[in-house]
Protein backbone atom coordinates (compact mmCIF):
# COMPACT_ATOMS: atom_id res chain seq x y z
CA MET A 1 -123.44 15.87 -129.57
CA PRO A 2 -126.32 18.07 -131.22
CA ARG A 3 -126.27 19.69 -128.20
CA ILE A 4 -123.13 21.03 -127.96
CA PHE A 5 -123.71 22.34 -131.78
CA ASP A 6 -126.77 24.16 -130.45
CA LYS A 7 -125.00 25.68 -127.52
CA MET A 8 -121.98 26.80 -130.03
CA ARG A 9 -124.32 28.35 -132.97
CA LYS A 10 -126.60 29.82 -130.16
CA HIS A 11 -123.09 31.49 -128.32
CA LEU A 12 -121.56 32.86 -132.00
CA SER A 13 -125.27 33.82 -132.74
CA GLN A 14 -125.11 36.27 -129.44
CA GLN A 15 -121.91 37.14 -130.72
CA ASP A 16 -122.38 38.21 -133.58
CA GLU A 17 -119.40 36.71 -134.94
CA THR A 18 -118.58 32.71 -137.74
CA TYR A 19 -116.74 30.33 -135.82
CA PHE A 20 -113.65 31.69 -137.65
CA GLU A 21 -113.79 35.37 -136.67
CA HIS A 22 -114.84 34.46 -132.71
CA MET A 23 -111.60 32.18 -133.27
CA LEU A 24 -109.25 35.04 -134.17
CA ASN A 25 -110.58 36.91 -131.09
CA ALA A 26 -110.81 34.64 -128.66
CA LEU A 27 -107.34 34.07 -129.45
CA LEU A 28 -106.34 38.30 -129.91
CA CYS A 29 -107.94 38.69 -126.45
CA SER A 30 -106.42 35.92 -124.66
CA LEU A 31 -102.64 36.65 -126.15
CA LYS A 32 -103.32 40.06 -124.30
CA LEU A 33 -103.98 38.69 -121.65
CA ILE A 34 -100.88 36.76 -122.14
CA ILE A 35 -98.72 39.91 -122.49
CA ALA A 36 -100.79 41.59 -119.19
CA GLY A 37 -99.70 38.74 -117.17
CA SER A 38 -96.36 38.82 -118.01
CA VAL A 39 -95.92 42.92 -117.86
CA CYS A 40 -97.84 42.63 -114.39
CA ALA A 41 -95.36 39.90 -113.20
CA VAL A 42 -91.66 41.86 -114.48
CA HIS A 43 -93.57 44.77 -112.74
CA ALA A 44 -93.74 42.63 -109.46
CA VAL A 45 -90.45 42.65 -109.58
CA LEU A 46 -88.98 45.83 -110.70
CA PRO A 47 -92.24 48.21 -109.46
CA PHE A 48 -90.94 51.08 -111.06
CA LEU A 49 -92.06 49.62 -114.46
CA PHE A 50 -94.82 49.31 -116.27
CA VAL A 51 -97.02 50.66 -113.94
CA ASN A 52 -100.69 51.16 -115.29
CA THR A 53 -99.58 48.67 -118.07
CA ALA A 54 -100.96 45.78 -116.93
CA SER A 55 -104.83 47.17 -116.71
CA ARG A 56 -104.91 49.38 -119.75
CA ILE A 57 -105.02 45.65 -121.55
CA ALA A 58 -107.21 44.31 -119.12
CA LEU A 59 -109.58 47.23 -119.20
CA ASN A 60 -108.97 47.19 -122.94
CA VAL A 61 -110.12 44.27 -123.81
CA ALA A 62 -112.94 43.45 -121.15
CA ASN A 63 -114.56 46.99 -123.33
CA LYS A 64 -114.00 45.40 -126.42
CA ARG A 65 -115.20 42.29 -125.07
CA ALA A 66 -118.55 44.18 -124.42
CA ASN A 67 -119.18 45.75 -128.08
CA PRO A 68 -117.17 42.87 -130.42
CA LYS A 69 -117.60 44.73 -133.47
CA ILE A 70 -115.11 46.80 -132.07
CA LEU A 71 -112.56 44.23 -132.37
CA ARG A 72 -113.92 43.71 -136.14
CA GLY A 73 -113.57 47.24 -136.63
């Protein structure tokens, strides 16, 4: 069990986040990706809607994860 906590501490340290900051950022990221997926499903049926929306959301999430400090401010 201690090894799991060591890995968690290492990851949080690499991300320069506390546990709760990381949890919030991960939840926000997942919510945005769920929205992107939903938008994509609508676009599949009605291709004239949300033409670039899902891609824009996914790129935004990827860019913010590349620099986690952006998420906080």
